[in-house]
Amino acid sequence: MRLLALLTTLCTITILCTCQQNSYGYGLHSGLSTLNQSQYASRIPQKAKRTIRRHAGTLGPRRPLVIPDTPAPTPNCAAVCVIDPFNGHILYAHNAHTRRQVASTQKLITALCVCDAGDLDKMVTIKASDCKAPPIRLNLKPGQEYRKRDLLLAMLTGSFNDVALTLARDTAGSVDAFVDRMNARARRMRMYNTHFANPNGLPAAQYSTAHDMALAACYAYNNRTIRNYVSIPEYDFTRADGRARRIRSTNRLIYQYPWVNGMKTGYTNAAGKCLVSSATMNGRAVIVVVLGSTSRRIWGESLKYLQWALGI
């Protein structure tokens, strides 16, 4: 009887620990499932310049945001969505379900699909078809070889369109097959007003919404590799011939505010200036999606919603 009681107690403790672990900051609503982060072990170049983020805390937010007492700021852009990555709650939305092109912010979904495939230490051989993606390019040359994770970091920091094509083609066998994966991934993330046509966000018959991109950003935020990579302000990318190129993040906010820790910029004439930004303070985190802004307003527009949500 004592042995049976001991076994019963051990089983109960195991179940309680498992439940507590699964609910530790990643139980997002709206169908967002618990994410397995251990498979995405992050390796960051030693020369990468890191910003000291006193408020970063652990990888994921430890508690939900407090709903601000003050009204949300007035928007000066086409669409906004403010979301809590701890539980998926929407704190504020403006035209959040309006379909728009989202430019290079959709590289977050590209990065998720690359991480889904795994094998980030695989060597990738550049092909001539990978190099046809103006205007922002890393100028890869056919025949060169790079580690997949190094290309992923370059795409997320420098937003290089040729790197996005390379990763897509190598991951799925062809760019078209990779785009199918992006759209399937979008459906799994409940991005029901989204359709992608390429992996880099260049103008095409594709669209998403501020709400849908906020959902995708929650998944990207809880992916260890992506979360670390989008927080790097600058680093030295080593080319195949040994030369180094300094790559600076296109996200200006992470240079200026230590509590801002990502995520991705975007711009085309059709999309306007776009920014998915994330920040953390005192164990709480927030993600802000701003679409259809201007070069003059995009940074301040995103900043005011980050500050509002965090009570700064």
Protein backbone atom coordinates (compact mmCIF):
# COMPACT_ATOMS: atom_id res chain seq x y z
CA MET A 1 0.00 0.00 0.00
CA ARG A 2 2.85 2.40 0.84
CA LEU A 3 4.49 1.64 -2.53
CA LEU A 4 1.23 2.32 -4.35
CA ALA A 5 0.77 5.62 -2.50
CA LEU A 6 4.35 6.66 -3.33
CA LEU A 7 3.86 5.91 -7.04
CA THR A 8 0.60 7.86 -7.07
CA THR A 9 2.30 10.89 -5.48
CA LEU A 10 5.17 10.82 -8.00
CA CYS A 11 2.75 10.65 -10.93
CA THR A 12 0.79 13.62 -9.57
CA ILE A 13 3.94 15.72 -9.17
CA THR A 14 5.06 14.88 -12.73
CA ILE A 15 1.69 15.91 -14.18
CA LEU A 16 1.65 19.19 -12.24
CA CYS A 17 5.19 20.07 -13.35
CA THR A 18 4.36 19.32 -16.97
CA CYS A 19 1.25 21.48 -16.87
CA GLN A 20 3.16 24.33 -15.24
CA GLN A 21 5.89 24.16 -17.89
CA ASN A 22 3.40 24.15 -20.75
CA SER A 23 1.63 27.21 -19.35
CA TYR A 24 4.76 29.26 -18.75
CA GLY A 25 4.08 32.21 -20.96
CA TYR A 26 3.37 30.50 -24.29
CA GLY A 27 -0.29 29.49 -24.11
CA LEU A 28 -1.47 31.96 -26.73
CA HIS A 29 -5.19 32.08 -27.45
CA SER A 30 -6.84 32.15 -30.88
CA GLY A 31 -5.55 28.68 -31.55
CA LEU A 32 -1.86 29.49 -31.06
CA SER A 33 -0.28 26.31 -29.72
CA THR A 34 2.56 25.78 -27.28
CA LEU A 35 5.88 26.13 -29.09
CA ASN A 36 8.84 23.79 -28.80
CA GLN A 37 11.84 26.11 -28.50
CA SER A 38 14.53 23.57 -27.65
CA GLN A 39 14.80 22.46 -31.28
CA TYR A 40 15.85 25.97 -32.29
CA ALA A 41 19.14 26.29 -30.41
CA SER A 42 20.60 29.68 -31.24
CA ARG A 43 24.15 30.34 -32.33
CA ILE A 44 25.13 33.96 -32.73
CA PRO A 45 28.37 35.21 -34.32
CA GLN A 46 30.92 36.16 -31.66
CA LYS A 47 31.49 39.52 -33.33
CA ALA A 48 27.83 40.47 -33.21
CA LYS A 49 27.28 43.72 -31.38
CA ARG A 50 24.69 43.19 -28.65
CA THR A 51 22.71 45.86 -26.87
CA ILE A 52 22.55 45.49 -23.08
CA ARG A 53 18.86 44.94 -22.36
CA ARG A 54 18.35 45.30 -18.62
CA HIS A 55 14.65 44.52 -18.86
CA ALA A 56 14.89 41.53 -21.17
CA GLY A 57 14.51 38.92 -18.43
CA THR A 58 13.96 35.38 -19.65
CA LEU A 59 13.34 34.31 -23.23
CA GLY A 60 9.56 34.58 -22.97
CA PRO A 61 7.34 37.02 -21.05
CA ARG A 62 6.65 35.84 -17.52
CA ARG A 63 3.26 37.47 -17.11
CA PRO A 64 0.58 39.18 -19.19
CA LEU A 65 0.44 42.89 -19.89
CA VAL A 66 -1.64 45.15 -17.71
CA ILE A 67 -4.35 46.84 -19.78
CA PRO A 68 -3.39 50.54 -19.84
CA ASP A 69 -5.65 53.00 -18.04
CA THR A 70 -5.03 55.65 -20.67
CA PRO A 71 -6.62 55.51 -24.15
CA ALA A 72 -4.47 54.23 -27.00
CA PRO A 73 -2.63 56.86 -29.04
CA THR A 74 -4.30 58.16 -32.18
CA PRO A 75 -3.00 56.31 -35.25
CA ASN A 76 -1.22 58.12 -38.09
CA CYS A 77 -0.86 55.14 -40.39
CA ALA A 78 -2.99 52.74 -42.42
CA ALA A 79 -3.24 49.92 -39.85
CA VAL A 80 -2.09 49.02 -36.32
CA CYS A 81 -2.30 45.97 -34.10
CA VAL A 82 -0.93 45.74 -30.55
CA ILE A 83 -0.74 42.21 -29.13
CA ASP A 84 0.48 40.54 -25.95
CA PRO A 85 2.73 37.58 -26.93
CA PHE A 86 2.15 36.01 -23.50
CA ASN A 87 -1.48 35.14 -24.24
CA GLY A 88 -2.33 36.55 -27.66
CA HIS A 89 -4.69 39.23 -26.34
CA ILE A 90 -5.22 42.21 -28.64
CA LEU A 91 -4.76 45.46 -26.72
CA TYR A 92 -5.50 47.79 -29.62
CA ALA A 93 -6.42 47.52 -33.30
CA HIS A 94 -6.95 50.01 -36.10
CA ASN A 95 -7.95 48.70 -39.54
CA ALA A 96 -6.33 45.48 -38.35
CA HIS A 97 -8.31 43.22 -40.67
CA THR A 98 -7.81 45.31 -43.82
CA ARG A 99 -5.83 43.43 -46.45
CA ARG A 100 -2.60 45.12 -47.47
CA GLN A 101 0.84 44.27 -48.78
CA VAL A 102 3.25 44.01 -45.87
CA ALA A 103 6.61 44.11 -47.69
CA SER A 104 9.62 42.54 -45.95
CA THR A 105 7.83 42.04 -42.63
CA GLN A 106 6.64 38.75 -44.17
CA LYS A 107 10.24 37.53 -43.94
CA LEU A 108 9.24 36.57 -40.40
CA ILE A 109 7.09 33.82 -41.91
CA THR A 110 9.98 32.93 -44.23
CA ALA A 111 12.19 32.56 -41.16
CA LEU A 112 9.61 30.39 -39.38
CA CYS A 113 9.40 28.04 -42.37
CA VAL A 114 13.20 27.82 -42.55
CA CYS A 115 13.34 26.95 -38.84
CA ASP A 116 10.55 24.40 -39.30
CA ALA A 117 12.76 22.55 -41.78
CA GLY A 118 15.65 22.49 -39.28
CA ASP A 119 19.25 21.56 -40.18
CA LEU A 120 20.42 25.17 -39.78
CA ASP A 121 24.08 24.11 -39.91
CA LYS A 122 23.68 22.74 -43.43
CA MET A 123 25.89 24.32 -46.10
CA VAL A 124 23.89 26.05 -48.84
CA THR A 125 25.28 26.44 -52.36
CA ILE A 126 24.22 29.63 -54.11
CA LYS A 127 22.61 29.28 -57.56
CA ALA A 128 22.24 31.89 -60.29
CA SER A 129 18.45 32.05 -59.78
CA ASP A 130 18.98 33.10 -56.16
CA CYS A 131 20.70 36.34 -57.14
CA LYS A 132 17.79 37.94 -59.04
CA ALA A 133 16.03 39.89 -56.31
CA PRO A 134 16.62 43.66 -56.39
CA PRO A 135 16.89 46.16 -54.86
CA ILE A 136 18.25 45.09 -51.44
CA ARG A 137 20.79 42.32 -51.98
CA LEU A 138 23.76 40.80 -50.23
CA ASN A 139 25.21 40.18 -53.71
CA LEU A 140 25.71 36.45 -53.31
CA LYS A 141 27.60 34.75 -56.14
CA PRO A 142 26.69 31.42 -57.79
CA GLY A 143 28.79 28.56 -56.45
CA GLN A 144 29.49 30.16 -53.08
CA GLU A 145 28.61 28.19 -49.94
CA TYR A 146 27.24 29.48 -46.65
CA ARG A 147 25.72 27.97 -43.55
CA LYS A 148 21.96 28.19 -43.55
CA ARG A 149 21.87 29.87 -40.13
CA ASP A 150 24.29 32.57 -41.32
CA LEU A 151 22.00 33.32 -44.25
CA LEU A 152 19.00 33.39 -41.92
CA LEU A 153 20.69 35.93 -39.67
CA ALA A 154 21.63 38.08 -42.68
CA MET A 155 18.05 38.03 -43.96
CA LEU A 156 16.53 39.03 -40.63
CA THR A 157 19.00 41.83 -39.88
CA GLY A 158 19.79 43.25 -43.33
CA SER A 159 16.52 42.23 -45.04
CA PHE A 160 18.30 40.96 -48.15
CA ASN A 161 15.93 39.77 -50.86
CA ASP A 162 18.44 37.47 -52.58
CA VAL A 163 19.08 35.70 -49.27
CA ALA A 164 15.35 35.10 -48.84
CA LEU A 165 15.22 33.49 -52.31
CA THR A 166 18.24 31.34 -51.50
CA LEU A 167 16.75 30.08 -48.24
CA ALA A 168 13.40 29.40 -49.89
CA ARG A 169 14.82 27.47 -52.82
CA ASP A 170 17.20 25.44 -50.67
CA THR A 171 14.61 24.64 -48.00
CA ALA A 172 11.78 23.45 -50.24
CA GLY A 173 13.51 22.61 -53.53
CA SER A 174 11.96 25.58 -55.33
CA VAL A 175 10.66 29.03 -54.45
CA ASP A 176 7.11 28.06 -55.48
CA ALA A 177 7.17 25.03 -53.19
CA PHE A 178 8.43 27.21 -50.34
CA VAL A 179 5.63 29.73 -50.89
CA ASP A 180 3.19 26.84 -50.52
CA ARG A 181 4.79 26.14 -47.15
CA MET A 182 4.42 29.80 -46.18
CA ASN A 183 0.72 29.76 -46.96
CA ALA A 184 0.23 26.46 -45.13
CA ARG A 185 2.09 27.90 -42.13
CA ALA A 186 -0.12 30.99 -42.27
CA ARG A 187 -3.26 28.86 -42.14
CA ARG A 188 -1.93 26.93 -39.15
CA MET A 189 -1.35 30.26 -37.40
CA ARG A 190 -4.96 31.28 -38.18
CA MET A 191 -3.85 34.02 -40.59
CA TYR A 192 -7.09 33.77 -42.53
CA ASN A 193 -6.71 37.09 -44.39
CA THR A 194 -3.25 36.30 -45.74
CA HIS A 195 -1.83 34.98 -49.00
CA PHE A 196 1.84 35.00 -49.94
CA ALA A 197 3.37 34.86 -53.41
CA ASN A 198 7.09 35.16 -52.63
CA PRO A 199 9.44 34.81 -49.63
CA ASN A 200 10.83 38.36 -49.61
CA GLY A 201 7.82 40.69 -49.72
CA LEU A 202 8.54 42.31 -53.08
CA PRO A 203 5.37 43.53 -54.88
CA ALA A 204 3.19 40.65 -56.09
CA ALA A 205 -0.37 39.35 -55.85
CA GLN A 206 -0.12 38.86 -52.10
CA TYR A 207 -1.52 40.43 -48.95
CA SER A 208 -1.88 40.16 -45.21
CA THR A 209 -3.27 42.27 -42.37
CA ALA A 210 -1.96 43.91 -39.22
CA HIS A 211 -3.86 41.34 -37.14
CA ASP A 212 -2.50 38.38 -39.09
CA MET A 213 1.06 39.68 -38.94
CA ALA A 214 0.65 40.15 -35.19
CA LEU A 215 -0.25 36.47 -34.85
CA ALA A 216 2.78 35.45 -36.91
CA ALA A 217 4.99 37.78 -34.86
CA CYS A 218 3.93 35.97 -31.67
CA TYR A 219 5.23 32.71 -33.11
CA ALA A 220 8.44 34.37 -34.29
CA TYR A 221 8.89 36.01 -30.88
CA ASN A 222 8.70 32.64 -29.15
CA ASN A 223 11.22 31.01 -31.49
CA ARG A 224 14.63 31.11 -29.79
CA THR A 225 16.66 31.54 -32.98
CA ILE A 226 14.49 34.23 -34.54
CA ARG A 227 14.06 36.08 -31.26
CA ASN A 228 17.83 36.31 -30.79
CA TYR A 229 18.64 37.17 -34.38
CA VAL A 230 16.20 40.08 -34.71
CA SER A 231 17.67 41.69 -31.57
CA ILE A 232 21.17 42.12 -33.05
CA PRO A 233 21.94 45.73 -34.07
CA GLU A 234 25.00 44.88 -36.20
CA TYR A 235 27.60 42.18 -36.87
CA ASP A 236 30.24 41.10 -39.38
CA PHE A 237 29.06 38.70 -42.07
CA THR A 238 31.93 36.61 -43.43
CA ARG A 239 31.76 36.07 -47.19
CA ALA A 240 32.84 32.86 -48.90
CA ASP A 241 36.17 34.45 -49.86
CA GLY A 242 36.90 35.40 -46.25
CA ARG A 243 36.09 39.10 -46.53
CA ALA A 244 33.83 40.62 -43.89
CA ARG A 245 30.84 42.86 -44.47
CA ARG A 246 29.31 44.82 -41.62
CA ILE A 247 25.54 44.27 -41.60
CA ARG A 248 23.39 46.65 -39.60
CA SER A 249 19.82 45.94 -38.60
CA THR A 250 17.19 47.85 -40.55
CA ASN A 251 15.25 48.31 -37.30
CA ARG A 252 16.38 51.68 -35.97
CA LEU A 253 14.54 51.34 -32.64
CA ILE A 254 16.85 48.62 -31.29
CA TYR A 255 19.80 51.07 -31.47
CA GLN A 256 18.02 53.72 -29.45
CA TYR A 257 16.01 51.86 -26.80
CA PRO A 258 17.49 48.97 -24.77
CA TRP A 259 14.02 47.62 -23.98
CA VAL A 260 13.19 47.21 -27.69
CA ASN A 261 14.34 43.75 -28.83
CA GLY A 262 13.14 43.26 -32.43
CA MET A 263 11.63 42.50 -34.95
CA LYS A 264 11.33 43.29 -38.72
CA THR A 265 11.03 46.26 -41.06
CA GLY A 266 9.49 46.45 -44.53
CA TYR A 267 9.01 48.90 -47.37
CA THR A 268 7.68 48.97 -50.91
CA ASN A 269 5.74 51.67 -52.72
CA ALA A 270 2.62 49.52 -52.49
CA ALA A 271 3.00 48.70 -48.80
CA GLY A 272 4.45 51.95 -47.49
CA LYS A 273 6.71 51.86 -44.45
CA CYS A 274 5.96 48.85 -42.23
CA LEU A 275 7.39 47.73 -38.91
CA VAL A 276 6.78 44.78 -36.63
CA SER A 277 8.41 45.75 -33.33
CA SER A 278 8.72 44.02 -29.97
CA ALA A 279 9.75 45.21 -26.54
CA THR A 280 9.90 43.91 -22.98
CA MET A 281 9.83 45.48 -19.55
CA ASN A 282 9.64 43.95 -16.07
CA GLY A 283 8.71 40.48 -17.29
CA ARG A 284 6.03 41.70 -19.70
CA ALA A 285 6.32 41.93 -23.48
CA VAL A 286 4.42 43.55 -26.33
CA ILE A 287 4.41 43.33 -30.12
CA VAL A 288 3.28 46.23 -32.29
CA VAL A 289 2.49 45.96 -36.00
CA VAL A 290 2.35 49.23 -37.95
CA LEU A 291 1.50 49.10 -41.67
CA GLY A 292 1.26 51.80 -44.31
CA SER A 293 3.25 54.53 -42.59
CA THR A 294 5.88 56.92 -43.94
CA SER A 295 9.65 57.20 -43.55
CA ARG A 296 9.19 60.21 -41.27
CA ARG A 297 6.55 58.69 -39.01
CA ILE A 298 7.17 54.94 -38.82
CA TRP A 299 9.60 54.98 -35.88
CA GLY A 300 7.63 57.35 -33.69
CA GLU A 301 4.38 55.64 -34.60
CA SER A 302 5.66 52.27 -33.45
CA LEU A 303 7.37 53.70 -30.38
CA LYS A 304 4.27 55.38 -29.00
CA TYR A 305 2.30 52.12 -29.02
CA LEU A 306 5.19 50.20 -27.44
CA GLN A 307 5.41 52.78 -24.67
CA TRP A 308 1.64 52.88 -24.19
CA ALA A 309 1.33 49.11 -23.85
CA LEU A 310 4.27 48.83 -21.41
CA GLY A 311 3.31 51.90 -19.41
CA ILE A 312 6.59 53.69 -20.07
